[in-house]
Each structure stands twice: as C-alpha cells, then as structure tokens.
Protein backbone atom coordinates (compact mmCIF):
# COMPACT_ATOMS: atom_id res chain seq x y z
CA MET A 1 -6.35 10.68 -4.97
CA GLY A 2 -3.73 9.07 -7.21
CA MET A 3 -0.13 9.87 -6.36
CA ILE A 4 1.43 12.75 -8.28
CA GLN A 5 3.88 11.41 -10.88
CA LYS A 6 7.37 12.29 -9.75
CA THR A 7 10.18 13.27 -12.09
CA TRP A 8 13.38 11.24 -11.70
CA LYS A 9 16.54 13.36 -11.87
CA ILE A 10 19.93 11.67 -11.93
CA LYS A 11 22.62 13.94 -10.52
CA ASN A 12 25.40 14.83 -12.92
CA ARG A 13 28.51 13.88 -11.12
CA PRO A 14 31.61 16.01 -11.56
CA GLU A 15 34.19 14.49 -13.83
CA GLU A 16 37.08 15.01 -11.40
CA ALA A 17 38.68 11.81 -10.19
CA ILE A 18 38.91 11.26 -6.47
CA ALA A 19 42.47 10.55 -5.52
CA GLY A 20 43.65 8.50 -2.56
CA SER A 21 40.25 7.08 -1.83
CA GLY A 22 41.44 3.85 -0.25
CA ASN A 23 39.17 0.85 -0.69
CA LEU A 24 35.90 2.70 -1.06
CA HIS A 25 33.30 1.28 -3.44
CA PRO A 26 33.33 3.18 -6.79
CA VAL A 27 29.60 3.95 -6.38
CA VAL A 28 30.28 5.63 -3.02
CA LEU A 29 33.03 7.70 -4.65
CA ARG A 30 30.44 8.84 -7.21
CA ILE A 31 28.06 9.83 -4.39
CA LEU A 32 30.78 11.82 -2.64
CA ALA A 33 31.67 13.60 -5.88
CA ASN A 34 28.00 14.56 -6.29
CA ARG A 35 28.19 16.17 -2.87
CA GLY A 36 31.29 18.16 -3.65
CA VAL A 37 33.64 15.86 -1.72
CA VAL A 38 36.27 15.28 -4.36
CA SER A 39 39.86 15.79 -3.19
CA GLU A 40 41.79 13.31 -1.11
CA GLU A 41 41.79 15.80 1.76
CA GLU A 42 37.99 16.33 1.55
CA VAL A 43 37.33 12.58 1.51
CA LYS A 44 39.62 12.06 4.51
CA LYS A 45 37.96 14.91 6.43
CA PHE A 46 34.48 13.59 5.63
CA PHE A 47 35.19 10.20 7.15
CA SER A 48 37.43 11.27 10.02
CA SER A 49 35.45 14.10 11.58
CA SER A 50 36.34 14.33 15.25
CA TYR A 51 34.66 15.94 18.21
CA GLU A 52 37.92 17.47 19.43
CA ALA A 53 38.99 18.91 16.07
CA ASP A 54 35.69 19.82 14.39
CA VAL A 55 33.63 21.43 17.16
CA PHE A 56 34.17 25.19 17.25
CA ASP A 57 35.03 27.45 20.20
CA PRO A 58 31.76 28.80 21.67
CA PHE A 59 33.45 32.13 22.43
CA LEU A 60 33.51 32.83 18.69
CA PHE A 61 29.91 34.03 19.21
CA SER A 62 30.33 37.78 19.56
CA ASP A 63 27.92 38.07 22.53
CA MET A 64 29.06 34.97 24.42
CA GLU A 65 31.44 36.95 26.63
CA LYS A 66 28.63 39.38 27.57
CA ALA A 67 26.45 36.38 28.46
CA MET A 68 29.14 34.82 30.66
CA ILE A 69 29.68 38.10 32.57
CA ARG A 70 25.96 38.21 33.39
CA VAL A 71 25.90 34.49 34.36
CA LYS A 72 28.91 35.06 36.65
CA GLU A 73 27.00 37.84 38.41
CA ALA A 74 23.94 35.61 38.80
CA LYS A 75 26.10 32.77 40.12
CA GLU A 76 27.84 34.96 42.69
CA LYS A 77 24.57 36.51 43.89
CA LYS A 78 22.78 33.11 43.89
CA GLU A 79 20.03 34.54 41.69
CA THR A 80 17.04 32.51 40.53
CA VAL A 81 17.49 31.83 36.81
CA ALA A 82 14.76 30.83 34.38
CA ILE A 83 15.12 28.82 31.19
CA PHE A 84 12.44 29.81 28.68
CA GLY A 85 12.04 26.99 26.17
CA ASP A 86 9.86 25.73 23.36
CA TYR A 87 7.43 22.82 23.10
CA ASP A 88 8.92 20.86 20.20
CA ALA A 89 11.67 18.21 20.39
CA ASP A 90 14.39 20.79 19.66
CA GLY A 91 13.08 23.15 22.36
CA VAL A 92 12.54 20.38 24.94
CA THR A 93 16.03 18.91 24.49
CA ALA A 94 17.56 22.42 24.48
CA SER A 95 15.78 23.19 27.78
CA ALA A 96 17.13 19.99 29.35
CA VAL A 97 20.68 20.71 28.07
CA MET A 98 20.60 24.24 29.49
CA ARG A 99 19.26 23.07 32.86
CA GLU A 100 21.88 20.36 33.28
CA ALA A 101 24.65 22.75 32.24
CA LEU A 102 23.54 25.38 34.78
CA GLU A 103 23.28 22.72 37.50
CA GLY A 104 26.73 21.49 36.47
CA ILE A 105 28.31 24.87 37.27
CA GLY A 106 26.56 25.18 40.63
CA PHE A 107 23.19 26.89 40.07
CA GLU A 108 20.53 25.67 42.49
CA ASN A 109 17.57 27.95 41.85
CA ILE A 110 16.46 27.16 38.30
CA VAL A 111 12.93 27.50 36.89
CA THR A 112 12.16 25.96 33.49
CA TYR A 113 9.23 27.46 31.64
CA ILE A 114 7.86 25.88 28.47
CA PRO A 115 4.75 27.66 27.15
CA ASP A 116 1.49 25.85 26.48
CA ARG A 117 1.22 25.49 22.71
CA GLN A 118 -2.53 25.91 22.63
CA ALA A 119 -2.98 28.67 25.19
CA GLU A 120 0.24 30.69 24.75
CA GLY A 121 1.81 29.81 21.43
CA TYR A 122 5.48 30.09 20.53
CA GLY A 123 8.02 32.33 22.28
CA MET A 124 7.93 34.56 25.31
CA ASN A 125 4.76 36.31 26.45
CA GLY A 126 3.92 38.93 29.06
CA GLN A 127 1.89 36.64 31.33
CA ALA A 128 4.71 34.09 31.51
CA LEU A 129 7.22 36.81 32.36
CA GLU A 130 5.01 38.05 35.20
CA TYR A 131 4.79 34.48 36.51
CA LEU A 132 8.60 34.20 36.44
CA LYS A 133 8.94 37.53 38.24
CA GLU A 134 6.65 36.20 41.00
CA LYS A 135 9.00 33.20 41.28
CA GLY A 136 11.85 35.59 42.07
CA VAL A 137 13.56 35.22 38.67
CA SER A 138 16.05 37.96 37.78
CA LEU A 139 17.70 36.36 34.72
CA VAL A 140 15.94 34.56 31.87
CA ILE A 141 17.89 32.48 29.35
CA THR A 142 15.87 31.54 26.26
CA VAL A 143 16.48 28.39 24.23
CA ASP A 144 15.16 27.86 20.70
CA CYS A 145 13.16 31.10 20.90
CA GLY A 146 13.36 34.80 21.74
CA ILE A 147 14.90 36.35 18.62
CA ALA A 148 11.59 37.94 17.59
CA ASN A 149 10.40 38.89 21.11
CA ILE A 150 11.25 42.62 21.01
CA GLN A 151 8.26 43.76 23.12
CA GLU A 152 8.56 40.87 25.58
CA VAL A 153 12.24 41.61 26.24
CA GLU A 154 11.27 45.23 26.89
CA ARG A 155 8.54 44.06 29.28
CA ALA A 156 11.06 41.84 31.11
CA ARG A 157 13.33 44.86 31.60
CA GLU A 158 10.40 46.81 33.04
CA LEU A 159 9.85 43.93 35.48
CA GLY A 160 13.52 44.05 36.50
CA MET A 161 14.62 40.87 34.65
CA ASP A 162 17.54 40.51 32.27
CA ILE A 163 17.28 38.32 29.16
CA ILE A 164 19.96 36.27 27.42
CA ILE A 165 18.69 34.96 24.05
CA THR A 166 19.96 31.69 22.57
CA ASP A 167 18.12 30.94 19.35
CA HIS A 168 18.62 29.82 15.74
CA HIS A 169 15.51 31.13 13.99
CA HIS A 170 15.16 33.79 11.31
CA VAL A 171 16.68 37.08 12.55
CA PRO A 172 14.38 40.12 12.15
CA LYS A 173 15.71 43.54 11.10
CA GLU A 174 15.44 44.80 14.66
CA LEU A 175 17.00 42.80 17.51
CA PRO A 176 15.54 42.59 21.02
CA LYS A 177 17.45 44.71 23.57
CA ALA A 178 18.71 41.71 25.52
CA VAL A 179 21.93 41.41 27.56
CA ALA A 180 23.23 39.07 24.87
CA VAL A 181 21.82 37.67 21.63
CA ILE A 182 23.41 34.36 20.62
CA ASN A 183 22.13 33.29 17.22
CA PRO A 184 24.41 31.92 14.45
CA HIS A 185 22.27 33.65 11.79
CA ARG A 186 22.80 37.08 13.34
CA GLU A 187 24.84 39.41 11.17
CA GLY A 188 28.35 39.80 12.57
CA CYS A 189 27.80 37.04 15.16
CA GLY A 190 31.33 35.74 14.49
CA TYR A 191 30.47 32.05 14.59
CA PRO A 192 31.68 30.05 11.55
CA PHE A 193 28.76 27.59 11.36
CA ALA A 194 25.26 29.01 10.83
CA ASP A 195 23.05 25.90 10.74
CA LEU A 196 22.94 24.83 14.41
CA ALA A 197 19.58 23.72 15.81
CA GLY A 198 18.21 25.37 18.96
CA VAL A 199 19.70 22.53 21.01
CA GLY A 200 23.03 23.04 19.19
CA VAL A 201 23.12 26.71 20.27
CA ALA A 202 22.17 25.67 23.85
CA PHE A 203 25.05 23.17 23.78
CA LYS A 204 27.50 25.89 22.66
CA PHE A 205 26.28 27.94 25.63
CA ALA A 206 26.84 24.91 27.89
CA GLN A 207 30.39 24.58 26.53
CA ALA A 208 31.06 28.24 27.29
CA LEU A 209 29.72 27.81 30.85
CA PHE A 210 32.02 24.87 31.54
CA LEU A 211 35.05 26.48 29.88
CA ARG A 212 34.52 29.54 32.05
CA PHE A 213 33.42 28.01 35.39
CA GLU A 214 34.21 24.25 35.42
CA LYS A 215 36.98 23.71 32.89
CA ASN A 216 38.27 20.56 34.61
CA LYS A 217 34.83 18.92 34.12
CA ILE A 218 34.43 19.81 30.42
CA GLU A 219 34.50 16.10 29.39
CA GLN A 220 31.20 15.57 31.26
CA LEU A 221 29.45 17.63 28.62
CA LYS A 222 29.71 14.74 26.16
CA TRP A 223 26.93 13.04 28.11
CA LEU A 224 24.62 15.84 26.87
CA LEU A 225 25.19 14.82 23.26
CA ASP A 226 22.32 12.30 23.32
CA LEU A 227 19.93 15.23 23.72
CA VAL A 228 21.83 17.29 21.15
CA ALA A 229 21.51 14.50 18.56
CA ILE A 230 17.75 14.11 19.16
CA GLY A 231 17.01 17.86 18.88
CA THR A 232 19.31 18.35 15.87
CA VAL A 233 17.80 15.48 13.89
CA ALA A 234 14.24 16.37 14.95
CA ASP A 235 14.60 19.96 13.75
CA CYS A 236 15.77 18.85 10.27
CA VAL A 237 18.72 21.25 10.16
CA PRO A 238 21.44 20.34 7.60
CA LEU A 239 23.54 17.42 8.87
CA VAL A 240 26.80 18.87 7.60
CA GLY A 241 29.76 20.55 9.31
CA GLU A 242 29.44 20.80 13.06
CA ASN A 243 25.91 19.34 13.06
CA ARG A 244 27.25 16.16 11.47
CA VAL A 245 29.85 15.84 14.24
CA LEU A 246 27.34 16.53 17.03
CA ALA A 247 24.83 14.05 15.57
CA LYS A 248 27.46 11.36 14.88
CA TYR A 249 28.82 11.35 18.43
CA GLY A 250 25.40 12.05 19.91
CA LEU A 251 23.98 8.86 18.40
CA ILE A 252 26.79 6.87 20.04
CA VAL A 253 26.08 8.55 23.41
CA LEU A 254 22.36 7.83 22.93
CA SER A 255 23.11 4.12 22.57
CA LYS A 256 24.57 4.14 26.08
CA THR A 257 22.46 6.96 27.55
CA ARG A 258 22.42 7.43 31.30
CA ARG A 259 18.96 8.98 31.16
CA VAL A 260 16.44 6.68 32.78
CA GLY A 261 13.66 8.63 31.03
CA LEU A 262 15.00 7.83 27.59
CA SER A 263 15.67 4.18 28.42
CA GLU A 264 12.08 3.84 29.76
CA MET A 265 10.76 5.50 26.59
CA PHE A 266 12.65 2.94 24.52
CA LYS A 267 11.20 0.05 26.56
CA VAL A 268 7.62 1.32 26.46
CA GLY A 269 7.79 2.19 22.75
CA ARG A 270 9.70 -1.02 21.86
CA ILE A 271 12.48 1.05 20.30
CA MET A 272 15.65 -0.98 19.83
CA ILE A 273 18.37 1.35 21.07
CA ASP A 274 21.24 0.10 23.22
CA GLU A 275 25.00 -0.38 22.98
CA LYS A 276 24.53 -3.21 20.48
CA ASN A 277 21.99 -1.17 18.48
CA ILE A 278 23.42 2.30 17.86
CA PRO A 279 20.53 4.28 16.38
CA ASP A 280 20.57 5.99 13.00
CA THR A 281 18.91 9.30 12.21
CA GLN A 282 15.87 7.50 10.79
CA LYS A 283 15.18 5.90 14.17
CA ILE A 284 15.37 9.34 15.81
CA GLY A 285 13.21 10.98 13.14
CA PHE A 286 10.48 8.33 13.05
CA GLN A 287 10.45 6.82 16.54
CA VAL A 288 12.11 9.00 19.18
CA ALA A 289 11.37 12.61 18.11
CA PRO A 290 7.62 12.04 17.37
CA ARG A 291 7.13 10.79 20.93
CA ILE A 292 8.85 13.83 22.43
CA ASN A 293 6.88 16.12 20.11
CA ALA A 294 3.59 14.38 20.89
CA ALA A 295 3.53 15.68 24.49
CA GLY A 296 3.51 19.33 23.33
CA ARG A 297 1.23 18.64 20.38
CA MET A 298 -1.54 16.90 22.32
CA ASP A 299 -1.25 18.49 25.76
CA HIS A 300 1.81 20.11 27.39
CA ALA A 301 5.48 19.56 26.61
CA ASN A 302 6.35 19.42 30.33
CA ALA A 303 5.77 15.65 30.32
CA ALA A 304 8.50 15.19 27.66
CA TYR A 305 10.83 17.68 29.36
CA LYS A 306 10.46 15.95 32.74
CA LEU A 307 11.09 12.62 31.02
CA MET A 308 14.44 13.96 29.71
CA ILE A 309 15.68 15.02 33.18
CA GLU A 310 13.94 12.52 35.52
CA LYS A 311 16.34 10.44 37.65
CA ASP A 312 13.78 8.21 39.41
CA ARG A 313 13.03 5.11 37.31
CA VAL A 314 9.47 4.60 38.63
CA LEU A 315 8.50 8.22 37.86
CA ALA A 316 10.28 7.97 34.50
CA ARG A 317 8.23 4.88 33.63
CA ASP A 318 4.98 6.76 34.36
CA LEU A 319 6.10 9.69 32.21
CA ALA A 320 7.16 7.33 29.39
CA LEU A 321 3.71 5.68 29.44
CA GLU A 322 2.05 9.12 29.36
CA VAL A 323 4.16 10.22 26.39
CA GLU A 324 3.47 6.93 24.55
CA ASP A 325 -0.28 7.43 25.04
CA LYS A 326 -0.04 11.01 23.71
CA ASN A 327 1.81 9.74 20.63
CA LYS A 328 -0.89 7.17 19.86
CA SER A 329 -3.57 9.88 20.16
CA ARG A 330 -1.50 12.17 17.94
CA GLN A 331 -1.28 9.51 15.21
CA LYS A 332 -5.06 8.92 15.27
CA VAL A 333 -6.08 12.60 15.25
CA THR A 334 -3.50 13.51 12.57
CA ALA A 335 -4.82 10.82 10.22
CA GLU A 336 -8.40 12.10 10.65
CA ILE A 337 -7.55 15.76 9.95
CA VAL A 338 -5.29 14.88 7.00
CA ARG A 339 -8.33 13.17 5.42
CA GLU A 340 -10.42 16.35 5.92
CA VAL A 341 -7.78 18.69 4.48
CA ARG A 342 -7.13 16.31 1.57
CA ILE A 343 -10.80 16.61 0.51
CA LEU A 344 -10.51 20.43 0.60
CA ALA A 345 -7.28 20.30 -1.40
CA GLU A 346 -8.82 18.07 -4.06
CA ASN A 347 -11.92 20.26 -4.43
CA SER A 348 -11.76 23.89 -3.23
CA PHE A 349 -8.07 24.36 -4.08
CA LYS A 350 -7.80 22.14 -7.14
CA GLY A 351 -6.65 24.87 -9.53
CA LYS A 352 -4.92 27.03 -6.92
CA LYS A 353 -1.21 27.37 -6.09
CA LEU A 354 -1.80 27.67 -2.32
CA ILE A 355 -3.80 25.35 -0.05
CA PHE A 356 -5.43 27.23 2.83
CA ALA A 357 -7.54 25.33 5.35
CA SER A 358 -8.98 26.15 8.78
CA SER A 359 -11.30 24.84 11.49
CA GLU A 360 -12.21 25.65 15.08
CA HIS A 361 -11.96 21.97 15.92
CA TRP A 362 -8.43 21.15 14.73
CA GLN A 363 -5.77 20.81 17.37
CA MET A 364 -3.09 23.50 17.26
CA GLY A 365 -0.24 21.14 18.06
CA ILE A 366 -0.54 18.99 14.96
CA LEU A 367 -1.22 21.66 12.34
CA GLY A 368 2.42 21.65 11.18
CA LEU A 369 2.35 17.87 10.67
CA ILE A 370 -0.82 18.11 8.62
CA ALA A 371 0.45 21.03 6.52
CA GLY A 372 3.64 19.03 5.85
CA ARG A 373 1.75 15.91 4.71
CA ILE A 374 -0.54 17.89 2.39
CA ALA A 375 2.28 20.03 0.96
CA ASP A 376 4.23 16.85 0.12
CA GLU A 377 1.22 15.08 -1.33
CA PHE A 378 0.01 17.94 -3.56
CA ALA A 379 3.34 19.70 -4.20
CA LYS A 380 1.83 23.05 -3.10
CA PRO A 381 2.58 25.46 -0.22
CA THR A 382 0.03 24.63 2.48
CA ALA A 383 -1.33 26.53 5.48
CA VAL A 384 -3.52 24.90 8.12
CA PHE A 385 -5.19 27.08 10.78
CA GLN A 386 -7.09 26.74 13.99
CA LYS A 387 -9.61 29.50 14.66
CA GLN A 388 -9.84 30.54 18.31
CA ASP A 389 -12.09 33.47 19.26
CA LYS A 390 -11.26 36.04 16.57
CA ILE A 391 -7.70 34.92 15.84
CA TYR A 392 -6.46 32.35 13.34
CA ALA A 393 -3.25 30.60 14.38
CA GLY A 394 -1.61 28.30 11.89
CA SER A 395 1.35 26.51 10.41
CA PHE A 396 2.81 26.81 6.93
CA ARG A 397 4.78 24.19 5.07
CA SER A 398 6.22 25.13 1.71
CA ILE A 399 7.78 23.58 -1.38
CA GLU A 400 11.35 24.06 -2.56
CA GLN A 401 10.39 26.83 -5.03
CA VAL A 402 8.74 29.14 -2.43
CA ASN A 403 10.48 30.83 0.52
CA ILE A 404 7.49 31.17 2.81
CA ILE A 405 9.23 33.48 5.31
CA SER A 406 10.04 35.94 2.53
CA ALA A 407 6.40 35.83 1.36
CA LEU A 408 5.11 36.36 4.93
CA GLU A 409 7.43 39.34 5.42
CA GLN A 410 5.67 41.00 2.48
CA CYS A 411 2.33 40.42 4.28
CA SER A 412 3.56 41.45 7.75
CA ASP A 413 1.15 44.44 7.90
CA LEU A 414 -1.73 41.93 7.97
CA LEU A 415 -0.24 39.60 10.61
CA ILE A 416 -0.21 39.68 14.41
CA ARG A 417 3.03 37.69 14.47
CA PHE A 418 5.00 35.23 12.38
CA GLY A 419 8.32 33.41 12.41
CA GLY A 420 10.15 30.29 11.31
CA HIS A 421 12.26 29.06 8.39
CA PRO A 422 12.07 29.36 4.55
CA GLN A 423 10.14 26.04 4.33
CA ALA A 424 8.18 26.09 7.61
CA ALA A 425 6.58 28.93 9.53
CA GLY A 426 3.94 29.80 12.11
CA VAL A 427 1.53 32.78 11.94
CA GLN A 428 -1.26 34.51 13.80
CA VAL A 429 -3.86 36.52 11.88
CA ALA A 430 -6.83 38.55 13.12
CA GLU A 431 -10.16 37.35 11.70
CA GLU A 432 -10.84 40.66 9.91
CA ASN A 433 -7.52 40.38 8.00
CA MET A 434 -7.81 36.73 7.03
CA GLU A 435 -9.39 37.22 3.60
CA LYS A 436 -6.99 40.04 2.64
CA PHE A 437 -4.06 37.93 3.85
CA TYR A 438 -5.12 34.95 1.75
CA GLU A 439 -5.59 37.11 -1.37
CA LYS A 440 -2.24 38.87 -0.96
CA LEU A 441 -0.28 35.70 -0.17
CA SER A 442 -1.95 33.77 -2.99
CA GLY A 443 -1.00 36.54 -5.42
CA LEU A 444 2.62 36.52 -4.22
CA ILE A 445 2.89 32.74 -4.55
CA GLU A 446 1.20 32.75 -8.00
CA LYS A 447 3.74 35.34 -9.16
CA GLU A 448 6.66 33.42 -7.59
CA LEU A 449 5.67 30.16 -9.30
CA GLU A 450 4.86 31.66 -12.70
CA GLY A 451 6.60 29.63 -15.39
CA LYS A 452 8.22 27.27 -12.87
CA ASP A 453 7.95 23.51 -12.91
CA VAL A 454 6.60 22.53 -9.47
CA SER A 455 6.09 18.84 -10.14
CA PRO A 456 7.83 16.91 -7.37
CA SER A 457 11.08 15.28 -8.29
CA ILE A 458 13.33 12.60 -6.83
CA GLU A 459 17.06 13.34 -6.86
CA ILE A 460 18.92 10.15 -7.74
CA ASP A 461 22.57 9.79 -6.77
CA ALA A 462 23.42 7.06 -9.26
CA GLU A 463 22.02 4.45 -11.59
CA ILE A 464 23.47 1.08 -10.58
CA SER A 465 23.34 -2.46 -11.91
CA ALA A 466 22.40 -5.59 -9.99
CA GLU A 467 26.11 -6.46 -9.95
CA ASP A 468 26.92 -3.15 -8.20
CA ALA A 469 24.48 -3.90 -5.36
CA ASP A 470 26.63 -6.05 -3.09
CA TRP A 471 27.52 -6.18 0.61
CA ASN A 472 30.66 -4.03 0.06
CA LEU A 473 28.41 -1.24 -1.21
CA VAL A 474 26.01 -1.66 1.74
CA GLU A 475 28.90 -1.41 4.22
CA ASP A 476 30.44 1.64 2.52
CA ILE A 477 27.05 3.41 2.43
CA LYS A 478 26.82 2.95 6.21
CA LYS A 479 30.12 4.86 6.53
CA LEU A 480 28.41 7.95 5.05
CA GLN A 481 26.10 8.24 8.09
CA PRO A 482 24.57 10.12 9.84
CA PHE A 483 22.05 10.94 7.11
CA GLY A 484 19.93 14.06 7.04
CA GLU A 485 19.42 17.28 5.12
CA GLY A 486 22.60 18.11 3.20
CA ASN A 487 23.86 14.54 3.60
CA GLU A 488 20.86 12.52 2.48
CA GLU A 489 20.75 8.77 2.37
CA PRO A 490 21.91 7.76 -1.15
CA VAL A 491 19.13 7.19 -3.67
CA PHE A 492 19.68 4.69 -6.49
CA LEU A 493 18.00 3.76 -9.76
CA MET A 494 17.97 0.17 -11.02
CA LYS A 495 16.32 -0.64 -14.34
CA ASN A 496 14.59 -3.59 -15.89
CA LEU A 497 13.89 -5.88 -12.92
CA ILE A 498 11.30 -8.65 -13.13
CA ILE A 499 8.61 -9.03 -10.44
CA GLU A 500 8.90 -12.61 -9.11
CA ASP A 501 6.45 -12.15 -6.25
CA MET A 502 4.41 -9.37 -4.71
CA LYS A 503 2.06 -8.71 -1.78
CA VAL A 504 0.89 -6.01 0.60
CA VAL A 505 1.83 -6.16 4.29
CA GLY A 506 1.28 -4.21 7.52
CA ASN A 507 -1.83 -2.79 9.16
CA GLY A 508 -4.33 -1.77 6.54
CA SER A 509 -2.13 -3.32 3.82
CA LYS A 510 -0.18 -0.07 3.58
CA HIS A 511 3.19 -1.45 2.48
CA LEU A 512 4.26 -3.07 -0.78
CA LYS A 513 6.60 -6.07 -0.65
CA LEU A 514 8.28 -7.34 -3.82
CA SER A 515 10.74 -10.02 -4.85
CA LEU A 516 12.67 -8.72 -7.85
CA ARG A 517 14.89 -10.65 -10.25
CA SER A 518 17.70 -9.14 -12.20
CA GLN A 519 17.83 -9.96 -15.91
CA THR A 520 21.61 -9.59 -15.97
CA SER A 521 22.54 -11.68 -12.93
CA PRO A 522 21.06 -14.52 -10.84
CA LYS A 523 20.31 -12.14 -7.95
CA ILE A 524 16.88 -11.92 -6.31
CA PHE A 525 16.27 -8.71 -4.37
CA GLU A 526 13.82 -8.27 -1.50
CA ALA A 527 12.16 -4.84 -1.71
CA ILE A 528 9.81 -3.05 0.67
CA GLY A 529 7.86 0.09 -0.19
CA PHE A 530 6.53 1.72 3.00
CA GLY A 531 3.22 3.43 2.29
CA LEU A 532 3.25 2.20 -1.31
CA GLY A 533 0.58 -0.52 -0.87
CA ASP A 534 -1.74 1.22 -3.38
CA ASN A 535 0.90 0.69 -6.08
CA LEU A 536 0.08 -3.03 -6.09
CA HIS A 537 -2.86 -2.31 -8.34
CA GLY A 538 -1.53 -2.30 -11.84
CA LEU A 539 1.49 -4.50 -11.07
CA GLU A 540 1.72 -8.12 -12.25
CA LYS A 541 4.07 -11.04 -11.69
CA GLY A 542 6.55 -11.34 -14.53
CA GLN A 543 6.30 -7.63 -15.28
CA ALA A 544 9.47 -5.54 -15.84
CA VAL A 545 9.88 -2.44 -13.66
CA ASP A 546 12.37 0.36 -12.97
CA ILE A 547 12.79 1.25 -9.29
CA VAL A 548 14.20 4.09 -7.19
CA PHE A 549 15.37 3.00 -3.75
CA ASN A 550 17.73 3.16 -0.79
CA LEU A 551 20.05 0.20 -0.34
CA GLN A 552 19.95 -0.97 3.28
CA GLU A 553 20.82 -3.76 5.65
CA ASP A 554 17.82 -5.36 7.33
CA GLU A 555 18.39 -7.30 10.52
CA TRP A 556 15.82 -9.50 12.26
CA ASN A 557 16.59 -11.95 15.07
CA GLY A 558 20.30 -11.78 14.31
CA ASN A 559 19.84 -12.52 10.59
CA LYS A 560 21.08 -9.90 8.16
CA LYS A 561 19.86 -9.44 4.62
CA MET A 562 20.17 -6.83 1.91
CA GLN A 563 16.98 -4.87 1.36
CA LEU A 564 15.86 -2.34 -1.23
CA ASN A 565 13.77 0.36 0.45
CA LEU A 566 11.48 1.45 -2.40
CA ILE A 567 10.89 5.17 -2.98
CA ASP A 568 9.18 4.95 -6.39
CA ILE A 569 8.38 2.32 -9.01
CA ARG A 570 7.50 2.46 -12.72
CA ARG A 571 6.18 -0.24 -15.00
CA ILE A 572 8.11 -0.68 -18.23
CA MET A 573 5.55 -0.35 -21.00
CA VAL A 574 6.29 -2.73 -23.86
C-alpha cells in the first residue's frame, strides 16, 4: 500500500510579542507562542518549573484523608495489604511505586497482584479477590485500575475486604462503593491537575503516605521518580503541568537510578542511559517502555514488575534477559499480524469508515499495538479482536475526529465490559452480539465523520530557512524538553533543498538517508527518515524537495552533528 498523502498545516502563531525572553532563539519564541506561552511570566514559568513549587499537595484529593485513615488502621493492626495493578508499563511502574511507598512507612505483609492479560483481562475480578482473601488480605489498594469495578468492589466487601481505588481512567456515572476513590477525573475530586497517569496517581498516594507517617523521610520519594517518568511517558498522557515536572525530574533520576533491574535492562538491551546520558522521552517511549510492556503482552507482567523491584543483581540479570527475549518475540509477532490486518483493511474495509478485524490465533497482549499501527496507516478508527470461546476481546485505537469511548457508551447494551480513553479503549463482546455491535458502531462512526476531512495531517510549528537551522536553535530546542503530548517536539518545514546524495540504510533497507543542500546558503544537511525507505523510489539526485522534520543533535562516539529527522518529504514538480 502506498502511504496516505498527508496535509501539511503550518500553525498560525499569535501576533503578540513575547517580552523579556532573554537570549532565546526567535524560532523558539515562535514555537512557545504557538503553544500559548506568550507573556514574560509564562515563559519564565515554562523554563523554571520546579519540583518543590509545581507539584501539588496530595491531600487536595477529596478522598485522600479517608484513604489515610484506613491505611493507619491497617498499619496499626499489621494487616496484610494487597496492591492490585495492571499489566502495562503504567500499571507495572505504579505497582512498584505503591509497594515501595508502603514498605517505606513500615508495612511488611504486602501482596502484589497483577492479572494475567490473556486469562483475566483488565481490572479486578472475582477469582483474584478470592485468591487475595485466602492470602489473608483485608485491604486492597488498586493502581491504574478499579474505577469501573462496581461489582468486584461489592464482592470484595462480601469477602470482608476493603478497597481503596487509585486510578486515572474514564469515570463511569456510578462509582464503586470503595473506602476511597482517588481519580483526578472524578467530579468534585478537588485536585487541580486532571491528566496524571496511573503511576502519577500512585505517586500522589505515596506522597500522602509519607507526609502522614514518615514526614522526615519525604525526600526519599524522589528516588521513585524514575518509575514515575517511565509510566507517565509510556501512557502518553499530556506532558504539561505537573506531568511535565514529574517527567523532567524523573528522567534525571532515571539517569542515576538505584534499581539494579533497570540498569541490567539497559545493559542487556544496549540502551545508553547513565549519568552522562540523561534519557529523553523518545528513549523511554521506544526503548524502555516497550520492554516493560512486552512481558505482559507476550506472557505475564510479573517478570517486568519483579525487574522493577529486584535488589539482587544476578536475579535482575535473569529477569532482564527474559524481558528482552519477550520483546524480541513481541516485535516478530506484531509485524506478522500487522501484515494480516493490513490485507483486510485494503480489501474488506476499503470503502468503510471503521476497520474491524478478528482471529482466534492473535495474541491478546499485542492487539492494541496492531490497532494503533493500522489506525495510523489508514487514518480510520480500528478494532482488533481475539476470539476466545464465545467472547471477543479487543482493543480500539481511534483517530482525532472520533471519541471512541463516547461511541462505545452508546453501544454499552451490547457489550460485556469496556473502558479506556477517547482515543484508545478495550472491550469484551459476546459472540451473539458481535454483528449487531459492528453495525451499530459503524453507523455511529459514519454519522460522526459525515462531512469531515479525515485525511491525516502534520502540524508544523514553523517554516524555517537554512540560515535559521544553527546550533543555537538546536540547543534552545533541547530546553523545551521533555517532549510528549501537549508539548510535542517542534516540527519544521524547509523548502527547496537539493538532494546531493541518497541511500537506504538499516535492516531491510527501511530507513532513508539523504544529504541535502540549501540553495540559499553553503550548508549541507544530513537527514534520516526512519521507516521512509520506500520513499527512495521516485527520488533522484539533483532533485529539489520540501521536507518536514525535527531538528536534532546526533552524537556517535563523542562526535556531535546536526541532524534533520525526516517526517515527510515532497518532490517539487517543475
């Protein structure tokens, strides 16, 4: 399939001048203005965010006090406490944060339960609760799940267990009858920042624990920020406000992590992270998080969780090797299933607004990855299911124009369960309702997209000249980090460059490498287009092109060079 032609949209920057901006590059000032950072005060705040000043009081959560009263009781009575987590990187890191926080205030009897993705699915379930009861658990604290588990919380109460929910997912109309529900999206929750990841909410809980029970040791909590950064970046929550602060300091902590599990993962995976190589969000998103996720996708997330908390280096090494192996398998299987779903998308769903694919043989843990790849490639909401017995379980990934949670709510009478975010959700459907569900959802999406332009677009921060692209700009762009949703890496347009040289590189010739000459200056730019190897066909030396790219610093063996990371390329037709 040829790539869908993307529309290039240059952001209209506000006309307001930015006062008191110091020595910042004018292009960076333009980027900040595009993002609503205009006044001197806003610019100053953006660059000087501090952990002490910009991290909110956890007791602003309306139910936090209720939670602490119940924890105090459990602590005094030496109760066995369970942490009920989730199998993705956010859930795994949140589970580890909660465990270390509880240990830090003196709990000794802690059980961590992460469900099996394939056998149990997301969230609490009755069988797991009965297992925890047998283990003598009287208090369960959820992380990154629980907000939709109304029946399960009721079942826990019947079994004589109390539940404290810490979660960040979509809040249903009815709340579970838990001791406390700590979710920043909950109406009237009182917390000023709504976009925390599951691990972010777990960290707020950890802060409350230490403020209440170990106030003199509160500084120790900063060593948990490596986990907070990983989970926050992995879950793709907006990297603004408090998330930006947690990620920024978390990346620094990660560079000097005390976790032998993480340092062994870096060694085994050849990931360059240490005090001299402070990671960026890209390194987390493409190298660290996929490995943590792979454990839960391919088998059980316990391997990744144990890796996060393991203190013995030999055991940590074994776990790191296991996780690395799972990640390699995940890559191979994902590529195979993407090929299968792509064929369906090109044929059976060619004229449709929704791609809907299923198989008994596809692995549950990677369905979300596959749905995401296909949704991006075809610019259509995509659902990918695994059929097991008479139930279809699947993952949805949507496009900007369709709130998939809202659409699923309108189909809730046909679903066993569902949950997630506006752009990503999970569902279970009984076999007998599958056809009706597809018809109803398709109709809703058709109606939603009627008259809308759904062609994918690239938002461009600024058109720049070859003269603009200098080392001062590269250095000032780095100051905008950490990058993520809501604070994306700047995207630039440069026009009328001449191809001096070109080739494909990497395994399977996937990547496009170009030398580009400016017609207005003597500069030669090195450009790399990851995954753009197919674009070589149709390009010629001496040809003029317009490019969309990120401007980055590339370092290899101590040598630094400026590099254009290609996002899209167009030939100039004469």
